[in-house]
PDB file of N, CA and C in Angstrom:
ATOM      1  N   MET A   1      15.362  35.560 -33.201  1.00  0.00           N
ATOM      2  CA  MET A   1      15.177  34.436 -34.073  1.00  0.00           C
ATOM      3  C   MET A   1      15.660  33.136 -33.408  1.00  0.00           C
ATOM      4  N   VAL A   2      16.814  33.196 -32.764  1.00  0.00           N
ATOM      5  CA  VAL A   2      17.340  32.013 -32.081  1.00  0.00           C
ATOM      6  C   VAL A   2      16.453  31.654 -30.894  1.00  0.00           C
ATOM      7  N   ASN A   3      15.945  32.688 -30.203  1.00  0.00           N
ATOM      8  CA  ASN A   3      15.056  32.433 -29.075  1.00  0.00           C
ATOM      9  C   ASN A   3      13.792  31.708 -29.521  1.00  0.00           C
ATOM     10  N   GLY A   4      13.219  32.120 -30.606  1.00  0.00           N
ATOM     11  CA  GLY A   4      12.009  31.477 -31.125  1.00  0.00           C
ATOM     12  C   GLY A   4      12.276  30.031 -31.518  1.00  0.00           C
ATOM     13  N   LEU A   5      13.421  29.783 -32.132  1.00  0.00           N
ATOM     14  CA  LEU A   5      13.773  28.418 -32.531  1.00  0.00           C
ATOM     15  C   LEU A   5      13.982  27.531 -31.306  1.00  0.00           C
ATOM     16  N   LEU A   6      14.676  28.047 -30.303  1.00  0.00           N
ATOM     17  CA  LEU A   6      14.888  27.268 -29.087  1.00  0.00           C
ATOM     18  C   LEU A   6      13.568  27.003 -28.357  1.00  0.00           C
ATOM     19  N   PHE A   7      12.675  27.988 -28.367  1.00  0.00           N
ATOM     20  CA  PHE A   7      11.383  27.782 -27.716  1.00  0.00           C
ATOM     21  C   PHE A   7      10.570  26.718 -28.452  1.00  0.00           C
ATOM     22  N   GLN A   8      10.602  26.730 -29.786  1.00  0.00           N
ATOM     23  CA  GLN A   8       9.874  25.733 -30.562  1.00  0.00           C
ATOM     24  C   GLN A   8      10.454  24.335 -30.371  1.00  0.00           C
ATOM     25  N   LEU A   9      11.748  24.240 -30.112  1.00  0.00           N
ATOM     26  CA  LEU A   9      12.377  22.940 -29.862  1.00  0.00           C
ATOM     27  C   LEU A   9      12.164  22.466 -28.435  1.00  0.00           C
ATOM     28  N   SER A  10      11.986  23.399 -27.511  1.00  0.00           N
ATOM     29  CA  SER A  10      11.920  23.015 -26.101  1.00  0.00           C
ATOM     30  C   SER A  10      10.649  22.235 -25.771  1.00  0.00           C
ATOM     31  N   LEU A  11       9.525  22.563 -26.390  1.00  0.00           N
ATOM     32  CA  LEU A  11       8.269  21.877 -26.080  1.00  0.00           C
ATOM     33  C   LEU A  11       8.292  20.400 -26.491  1.00  0.00           C
ATOM     34  N   PRO A  12       8.670  20.061 -27.727  1.00  0.00           N
ATOM     35  CA  PRO A  12       8.727  18.631 -28.065  1.00  0.00           C
ATOM     36  C   PRO A  12       9.815  17.890 -27.289  1.00  0.00           C
ATOM     37  N   LEU A  13      10.943  18.548 -27.040  1.00  0.00           N
ATOM     38  CA  LEU A  13      12.002  17.885 -26.283  1.00  0.00           C
ATOM     39  C   LEU A  13      11.577  17.660 -24.835  1.00  0.00           C
ATOM     40  N   ASN A  14      10.818  18.594 -24.276  1.00  0.00           N
ATOM     41  CA  ASN A  14      10.295  18.435 -22.932  1.00  0.00           C
ATOM     42  C   ASN A  14       9.345  17.239 -22.884  1.00  0.00           C
ATOM     43  N   PHE A  15       8.481  17.111 -23.888  1.00  0.00           N
ATOM     44  CA  PHE A  15       7.553  15.984 -23.959  1.00  0.00           C
ATOM     45  C   PHE A  15       8.313  14.669 -24.085  1.00  0.00           C
ATOM     46  N   LEU A  16       9.298  14.617 -24.957  1.00  0.00           N
ATOM     47  CA  LEU A  16      10.082  13.383 -25.123  1.00  0.00           C
ATOM     48  C   LEU A  16      10.842  13.029 -23.856  1.00  0.00           C
ATOM     49  N   GLY A  17      11.338  14.029 -23.154  1.00  0.00           N
ATOM     50  CA  GLY A  17      12.020  13.772 -21.887  1.00  0.00           C
ATOM     51  C   GLY A  17      11.083  13.202 -20.836  1.00  0.00           C
ATOM     52  N   THR A  18       9.857  13.720 -20.800  1.00  0.00           N
ATOM     53  CA  THR A  18       8.863  13.214 -19.858  1.00  0.00           C
ATOM     54  C   THR A  18       8.506  11.765 -20.169  1.00  0.00           C
ATOM     55  N   VAL A  19       8.295  11.467 -21.460  1.00  0.00           N
ATOM     56  CA  VAL A  19       7.972  10.098 -21.858  1.00  0.00           C
ATOM     57  C   VAL A  19       9.128   9.164 -21.520  1.00  0.00           C
ATOM     58  N   TYR A  20      10.345   9.578 -21.789  1.00  0.00           N
ATOM     59  CA  TYR A  20      11.513   8.749 -21.484  1.00  0.00           C
ATOM     60  C   TYR A  20      11.610   8.471 -19.988  1.00  0.00           C
ATOM     61  N   ARG A  21      11.400   9.496 -19.160  1.00  0.00           N
ATOM     62  CA  ARG A  21      11.492   9.334 -17.719  1.00  0.00           C
ATOM     63  C   ARG A  21      10.417   8.377 -17.200  1.00  0.00           C
ATOM     64  N   GLU A  22       9.191   8.498 -17.705  1.00  0.00           N
ATOM     65  CA  GLU A  22       8.107   7.627 -17.259  1.00  0.00           C
ATOM     66  C   GLU A  22       8.328   6.182 -17.688  1.00  0.00           C
ATOM     67  N   VAL A  23       8.787   5.967 -18.912  1.00  0.00           N
ATOM     68  CA  VAL A  23       9.050   4.601 -19.391  1.00  0.00           C
ATOM     69  C   VAL A  23      10.187   3.982 -18.593  1.00  0.00           C
ATOM     70  N   ARG A  24      11.213   4.751 -18.336  1.00  0.00           N
ATOM     71  CA  ARG A  24      12.347   4.235 -17.565  1.00  0.00           C
ATOM     72  C   ARG A  24      11.923   3.861 -16.147  1.00  0.00           C
ATOM     73  N   GLN A  25      11.116   4.694 -15.488  1.00  0.00           N
ATOM     74  CA  GLN A  25      10.644   4.390 -14.141  1.00  0.00           C
ATOM     75  C   GLN A  25       9.720   3.182 -14.148  1.00  0.00           C
ATOM     76  N   SER A  26       8.917   3.035 -15.197  1.00  0.00           N
ATOM     77  CA  SER A  26       8.047   1.866 -15.302  1.00  0.00           C
ATOM     78  C   SER A  26       8.861   0.584 -15.425  1.00  0.00           C
ATOM     79  N   LEU A  27       9.928   0.613 -16.192  1.00  0.00           N
ATOM     80  CA  LEU A  27      10.786  -0.568 -16.322  1.00  0.00           C
ATOM     81  C   LEU A  27      11.471  -0.909 -15.006  1.00  0.00           C
ATOM     82  N   ILE A  28      11.888   0.095 -14.259  1.00  0.00           N
ATOM     83  CA  ILE A  28      12.497  -0.139 -12.949  1.00  0.00           C
ATOM     84  C   ILE A  28      11.481  -0.756 -11.999  1.00  0.00           C
ATOM     85  N   ASP A  29      10.244  -0.246 -12.013  1.00  0.00           N
ATOM     86  CA  ASP A  29       9.196  -0.785 -11.148  1.00  0.00           C
ATOM     87  C   ASP A  29       8.849  -2.225 -11.526  1.00  0.00           C
ATOM     88  N   MET A  30       8.799  -2.513 -12.827  1.00  0.00           N
ATOM     89  CA  MET A  30       8.493  -3.878 -13.267  1.00  0.00           C
ATOM     90  C   MET A  30       9.599  -4.840 -12.850  1.00  0.00           C
ATOM     91  N   GLU A  31      10.844  -4.397 -12.937  1.00  0.00           N
ATOM     92  CA  GLU A  31      11.956  -5.244 -12.510  1.00  0.00           C
ATOM     93  C   GLU A  31      11.862  -5.539 -11.011  1.00  0.00           C
ATOM     94  N   ALA A  32      11.513  -4.533 -10.224  1.00  0.00           N
ATOM     95  CA  ALA A  32      11.355  -4.739  -8.780  1.00  0.00           C
ATOM     96  C   ALA A  32      10.196  -5.682  -8.488  1.00  0.00           C
ATOM     97  N   LEU A  33       9.103  -5.549  -9.226  1.00  0.00           N
ATOM     98  CA  LEU A  33       7.953  -6.420  -9.028  1.00  0.00           C
ATOM     99  C   LEU A  33       8.304  -7.869  -9.349  1.00  0.00           C
ATOM    100  N   PHE A  34       8.993  -8.099 -10.452  1.00  0.00           N
ATOM    101  CA  PHE A  34       9.351  -9.462 -10.824  1.00  0.00           C
ATOM    102  C   PHE A  34      10.344 -10.063  -9.840  1.00  0.00           C
ATOM    103  N   SER A  35      11.225  -9.250  -9.293  1.00  0.00           N
ATOM    104  CA  SER A  35      12.162  -9.786  -8.297  1.00  0.00           C
ATOM    105  C   SER A  35      11.416 -10.132  -7.006  1.00  0.00           C
ATOM    106  N   LEU A  36      10.358  -9.379  -6.655  1.00  0.00           N
ATOM    107  CA  LEU A  36       9.562  -9.716  -5.481  1.00  0.00           C
ATOM    108  C   LEU A  36       8.738 -10.986  -5.708  1.00  0.00           C
ATOM    109  N   GLN A  37       8.317 -11.211  -6.944  1.00  0.00           N
ATOM    110  CA  GLN A  37       7.537 -12.415  -7.235  1.00  0.00           C
ATOM    111  C   GLN A  37       8.377 -13.677  -7.125  1.00  0.00           C
ATOM    112  N   ARG A  38       9.682 -13.554  -7.295  1.00  0.00           N
ATOM    113  CA  ARG A  38      10.563 -14.723  -7.194  1.00  0.00           C
ATOM    114  C   ARG A  38      10.810 -15.158  -5.756  1.00  0.00           C
ATOM    115  N   ILE A  39      10.530 -14.272  -4.789  1.00  0.00           N
ATOM    116  CA  ILE A  39      10.775 -14.588  -3.385  1.00  0.00           C
ATOM    117  C   ILE A  39       9.665 -15.502  -2.883  1.00  0.00           C
ATOM    118  N   LYS A  40      10.060 -16.595  -2.225  1.00  0.00           N
ATOM    119  CA  LYS A  40       9.085 -17.528  -1.653  1.00  0.00           C
ATOM    120  C   LYS A  40       8.563 -16.946  -0.336  1.00  0.00           C
ATOM    121  N   PRO A  41       7.237 -16.965  -0.111  1.00  0.00           N
ATOM    122  CA  PRO A  41       6.695 -16.442   1.150  1.00  0.00           C
ATOM    123  C   PRO A  41       7.035 -17.365   2.315  1.00  0.00           C
ATOM    124  N   ALA A  42       7.140 -16.795   3.507  1.00  0.00           N
ATOM    125  CA  ALA A  42       7.480 -17.573   4.693  1.00  0.00           C
ATOM    126  C   ALA A  42       6.293 -18.408   5.160  1.00  0.00           C
ATOM    127  N   ILE A  43       5.072 -17.932   4.903  1.00  0.00           N
ATOM    128  CA  ILE A  43       3.870 -18.635   5.334  1.00  0.00           C
ATOM    129  C   ILE A  43       3.158 -19.180   4.106  1.00  0.00           C
ATOM    130  N   ASN A  44       2.886 -20.456   4.127  1.00  0.00           N
ATOM    131  CA  ASN A  44       2.126 -21.075   3.061  1.00  0.00           C
ATOM    132  C   ASN A  44       0.643 -20.834   3.345  1.00  0.00           C
ATOM    133  N   VAL A  45      -0.074 -20.209   2.416  1.00  0.00           N
ATOM    134  CA  VAL A  45      -1.454 -19.809   2.647  1.00  0.00           C
ATOM    135  C   VAL A  45      -2.350 -21.024   2.850  1.00  0.00           C
ATOM    136  N   ARG A  46      -2.157 -22.063   2.064  1.00  0.00           N
ATOM    137  CA  ARG A  46      -3.001 -23.248   2.214  1.00  0.00           C
ATOM    138  C   ARG A  46      -2.804 -23.897   3.580  1.00  0.00           C
ATOM    139  N   ARG A  47      -1.565 -23.954   4.026  1.00  0.00           N
ATOM    140  CA  ARG A  47      -1.293 -24.545   5.333  1.00  0.00           C
ATOM    141  C   ARG A  47      -1.878 -23.678   6.452  1.00  0.00           C
ATOM    142  N   ALA A  48      -1.801 -22.356   6.297  1.00  0.00           N
ATOM    143  CA  ALA A  48      -2.354 -21.455   7.305  1.00  0.00           C
ATOM    144  C   ALA A  48      -3.870 -21.619   7.401  1.00  0.00           C
ATOM    145  N   ILE A  49      -4.515 -21.837   6.269  1.00  0.00           N
ATOM    146  CA  ILE A  49      -5.960 -22.058   6.304  1.00  0.00           C
ATOM    147  C   ILE A  49      -6.262 -23.375   7.006  1.00  0.00           C
ATOM    148  N   LEU A  50      -5.480 -24.399   6.729  1.00  0.00           N
ATOM    149  CA  LEU A  50      -5.707 -25.685   7.380  1.00  0.00           C
ATOM    150  C   LEU A  50      -5.473 -25.605   8.886  1.00  0.00           C
ATOM    151  N   LEU A  51      -4.497 -24.812   9.300  1.00  0.00           N
ATOM    152  CA  LEU A  51      -4.199 -24.677  10.721  1.00  0.00           C
ATOM    153  C   LEU A  51      -5.084 -23.630  11.405  1.00  0.00           C
ATOM    154  N   ASN A  52      -5.949 -22.983  10.645  1.00  0.00           N
ATOM    155  CA  ASN A  52      -6.879 -21.981  11.165  1.00  0.00           C
ATOM    156  C   ASN A  52      -6.144 -20.832  11.861  1.00  0.00           C
ATOM    157  N   LEU A  53      -5.110 -20.291  11.185  1.00  0.00           N
ATOM    158  CA  LEU A  53      -4.356 -19.177  11.764  1.00  0.00           C
ATOM    159  C   LEU A  53      -5.022 -17.838  11.510  1.00  0.00           C
ATOM    160  N   PHE A  54      -5.964 -17.805  10.578  1.00  0.00           N
ATOM    161  CA  PHE A  54      -6.633 -16.551  10.271  1.00  0.00           C
ATOM    162  C   PHE A  54      -7.731 -16.287  11.291  1.00  0.00           C
ATOM    163  N   PHE A  55      -8.048 -15.036  11.473  1.00  0.00           N
ATOM    164  CA  PHE A  55      -9.062 -14.635  12.445  1.00  0.00           C
ATOM    165  C   PHE A  55     -10.428 -15.117  11.985  1.00  0.00           C
ATOM    166  N   CYS A  56     -11.095 -15.860  12.816  1.00  0.00           N
ATOM    167  CA  CYS A  56     -12.437 -16.359  12.538  1.00  0.00           C
ATOM    168  C   CYS A  56     -13.336 -15.907  13.683  1.00  0.00           C
ATOM    169  N   PRO A  57     -14.167 -14.877  13.486  1.00  0.00           N
ATOM    170  CA  PRO A  57     -14.933 -14.315  14.597  1.00  0.00           C
ATOM    171  C   PRO A  57     -15.940 -15.282  15.205  1.00  0.00           C
ATOM    172  N   GLU A  58     -16.400 -16.270  14.437  1.00  0.00           N
ATOM    173  CA  GLU A  58     -17.358 -17.224  15.000  1.00  0.00           C
ATOM    174  C   GLU A  58     -16.691 -18.122  16.042  1.00  0.00           C
ATOM    175  N   LEU A  59     -15.437 -18.467  15.811  1.00  0.00           N
ATOM    176  CA  LEU A  59     -14.724 -19.355  16.730  1.00  0.00           C
ATOM    177  C   LEU A  59     -13.987 -18.607  17.832  1.00  0.00           C
ATOM    178  N   HIS A  60     -13.506 -17.417  17.513  1.00  0.00           N
ATOM    179  CA  HIS A  60     -12.680 -16.663  18.465  1.00  0.00           C
ATOM    180  C   HIS A  60     -13.185 -15.229  18.556  1.00  0.00           C
ATOM    181  N   PRO A  61     -14.160 -14.926  19.408  1.00  0.00           N
ATOM    182  CA  PRO A  61     -14.597 -13.532  19.525  1.00  0.00           C
ATOM    183  C   PRO A  61     -13.498 -12.670  20.149  1.00  0.00           C
ATOM    184  N   MET A  62     -13.457 -11.410  19.755  1.00  0.00           N
ATOM    185  CA  MET A  62     -12.410 -10.508  20.220  1.00  0.00           C
ATOM    186  C   MET A  62     -13.054  -9.308  20.906  1.00  0.00           C
ATOM    187  N   ARG A  63     -12.629  -8.992  22.120  1.00  0.00           N
ATOM    188  CA  ARG A  63     -13.134  -7.833  22.842  1.00  0.00           C
ATOM    189  C   ARG A  63     -12.080  -6.731  22.783  1.00  0.00           C
ATOM    190  N   LEU A  64     -12.507  -5.553  22.349  1.00  0.00           N
ATOM    191  CA  LEU A  64     -11.626  -4.395  22.277  1.00  0.00           C
ATOM    192  C   LEU A  64     -12.019  -3.428  23.382  1.00  0.00           C
ATOM    193  N   PRO A  65     -11.181  -3.277  24.408  1.00  0.00           N
ATOM    194  CA  PRO A  65     -11.538  -2.362  25.493  1.00  0.00           C
ATOM    195  C   PRO A  65     -11.363  -0.911  25.062  1.00  0.00           C
ATOM    196  N   ASN A  66     -11.840  -0.019  25.895  1.00  0.00           N
ATOM    197  CA  ASN A  66     -11.678   1.405  25.635  1.00  0.00           C
ATOM    198  C   ASN A  66     -10.185   1.725  25.596  1.00  0.00           C
ATOM    199  N   PRO A  67      -9.695   2.347  24.538  1.00  0.00           N
ATOM    200  CA  PRO A  67      -8.258   2.579  24.424  1.00  0.00           C
ATOM    201  C   PRO A  67      -7.705   3.608  25.405  1.00  0.00           C
ATOM    202  N   ASN A  68      -8.536   4.519  25.884  1.00  0.00           N
ATOM    203  CA  ASN A  68      -8.062   5.574  26.763  1.00  0.00           C
ATOM    204  C   ASN A  68      -9.065   5.771  27.893  1.00  0.00           C
ATOM    205  N   PRO A  69      -9.133   4.882  28.884  1.00  0.00           N
ATOM    206  CA  PRO A  69     -10.199   4.960  29.881  1.00  0.00           C
ATOM    207  C   PRO A  69     -10.091   6.152  30.821  1.00  0.00           C
ATOM    208  N   GLU A  70      -8.879   6.578  31.222  1.00  0.00           N
ATOM    209  CA  GLU A  70      -8.768   7.671  32.198  1.00  0.00           C
ATOM    210  C   GLU A  70      -8.856   9.039  31.552  1.00  0.00           C
ATOM    211  N   GLY A  71      -8.130   9.229  30.466  1.00  0.00           N
ATOM    212  CA  GLY A  71      -7.967  10.569  29.923  1.00  0.00           C
ATOM    213  C   GLY A  71      -9.018  10.997  28.935  1.00  0.00           C
ATOM    214  N   ALA A  72      -9.859  10.093  28.474  1.00  0.00           N
ATOM    215  CA  ALA A  72     -10.843  10.458  27.459  1.00  0.00           C
ATOM    216  C   ALA A  72     -11.988  11.234  28.086  1.00  0.00           C
ATOM    217  N   ARG A  73     -12.290  12.371  27.509  1.00  0.00           N
ATOM    218  CA  ARG A  73     -13.390  13.195  28.023  1.00  0.00           C
ATOM    219  C   ARG A  73     -14.512  13.300  26.998  1.00  0.00           C
ATOM    220  N   ALA A  74     -14.353  12.637  25.865  1.00  0.00           N
ATOM    221  CA  ALA A  74     -15.368  12.734  24.816  1.00  0.00           C
ATOM    222  C   ALA A  74     -16.595  11.925  25.196  1.00  0.00           C
ATOM    223  N   LYS A  75     -17.701  12.257  24.585  1.00  0.00           N
ATOM    224  CA  LYS A  75     -18.945  11.539  24.825  1.00  0.00           C
ATOM    225  C   LYS A  75     -18.786  10.094  24.370  1.00  0.00           C
ATOM    226  N   GLY A  76     -19.256   9.164  25.158  1.00  0.00           N
ATOM    227  CA  GLY A  76     -19.173   7.758  24.796  1.00  0.00           C
ATOM    228  C   GLY A  76     -17.777   7.191  24.911  1.00  0.00           C
ATOM    229  N   SER A  77     -16.963   7.758  25.786  1.00  0.00           N
ATOM    230  CA  SER A  77     -15.571   7.316  25.876  1.00  0.00           C
ATOM    231  C   SER A  77     -15.430   6.020  26.686  1.00  0.00           C
ATOM    232  N   LYS A  78     -16.481   5.590  27.375  1.00  0.00           N
ATOM    233  CA  LYS A  78     -16.395   4.372  28.170  1.00  0.00           C
ATOM    234  C   LYS A  78     -17.007   3.187  27.427  1.00  0.00           C
ATOM    235  N   ILE A  79     -16.802   3.149  26.134  1.00  0.00           N
ATOM    236  CA  ILE A  79     -17.387   2.101  25.306  1.00  0.00           C
ATOM    237  C   ILE A  79     -16.314   1.072  24.971  1.00  0.00           C
ATOM    238  N   SER A  80     -16.634  -0.191  25.093  1.00  0.00           N
ATOM    239  CA  SER A  80     -15.763  -1.254  24.592  1.00  0.00           C
ATOM    240  C   SER A  80     -16.553  -2.016  23.552  1.00  0.00           C
ATOM    241  N   SER A  81     -15.859  -2.656  22.613  1.00  0.00           N
ATOM    242  CA  SER A  81     -16.546  -3.346  21.536  1.00  0.00           C
ATOM    243  C   SER A  81     -16.265  -4.833  21.580  1.00  0.00           C
ATOM    244  N   LEU A  82     -17.196  -5.583  21.028  1.00  0.00           N
ATOM    245  CA  LEU A  82     -17.051  -7.015  20.915  1.00  0.00           C
ATOM    246  C   LEU A  82     -17.247  -7.370  19.448  1.00  0.00           C
ATOM    247  N   ILE A  83     -16.220  -7.990  18.868  1.00  0.00           N
ATOM    248  CA  ILE A  83     -16.312  -8.441  17.488  1.00  0.00           C
ATOM    249  C   ILE A  83     -16.635  -9.914  17.536  1.00  0.00           C
ATOM    250  N   ALA A  84     -17.815 -10.269  17.074  1.00  0.00           N
ATOM    251  CA  ALA A  84     -18.209 -11.686  17.092  1.00  0.00           C
ATOM    252  C   ALA A  84     -19.032 -12.005  15.881  1.00  0.00           C
TER     253      ALA A  84
END
């Protein structure tokens, strides 16, 4: 009889414990997110756009050589790419 009562109590208590744990973790995550939002970034995005610090393939093409020229034995291993 006691076993049946404890089993009937364990399921709702397990559910409530799960809900409590998830809500508590969500509050911790929200607090961390808000503290990160208060930090000022080191790079100002508008200024970076004005200074053209972002990669622009039309102005600055980039050549990627073969990463492993000696040891690669796979087909097409002597390929380099050009991003433009």
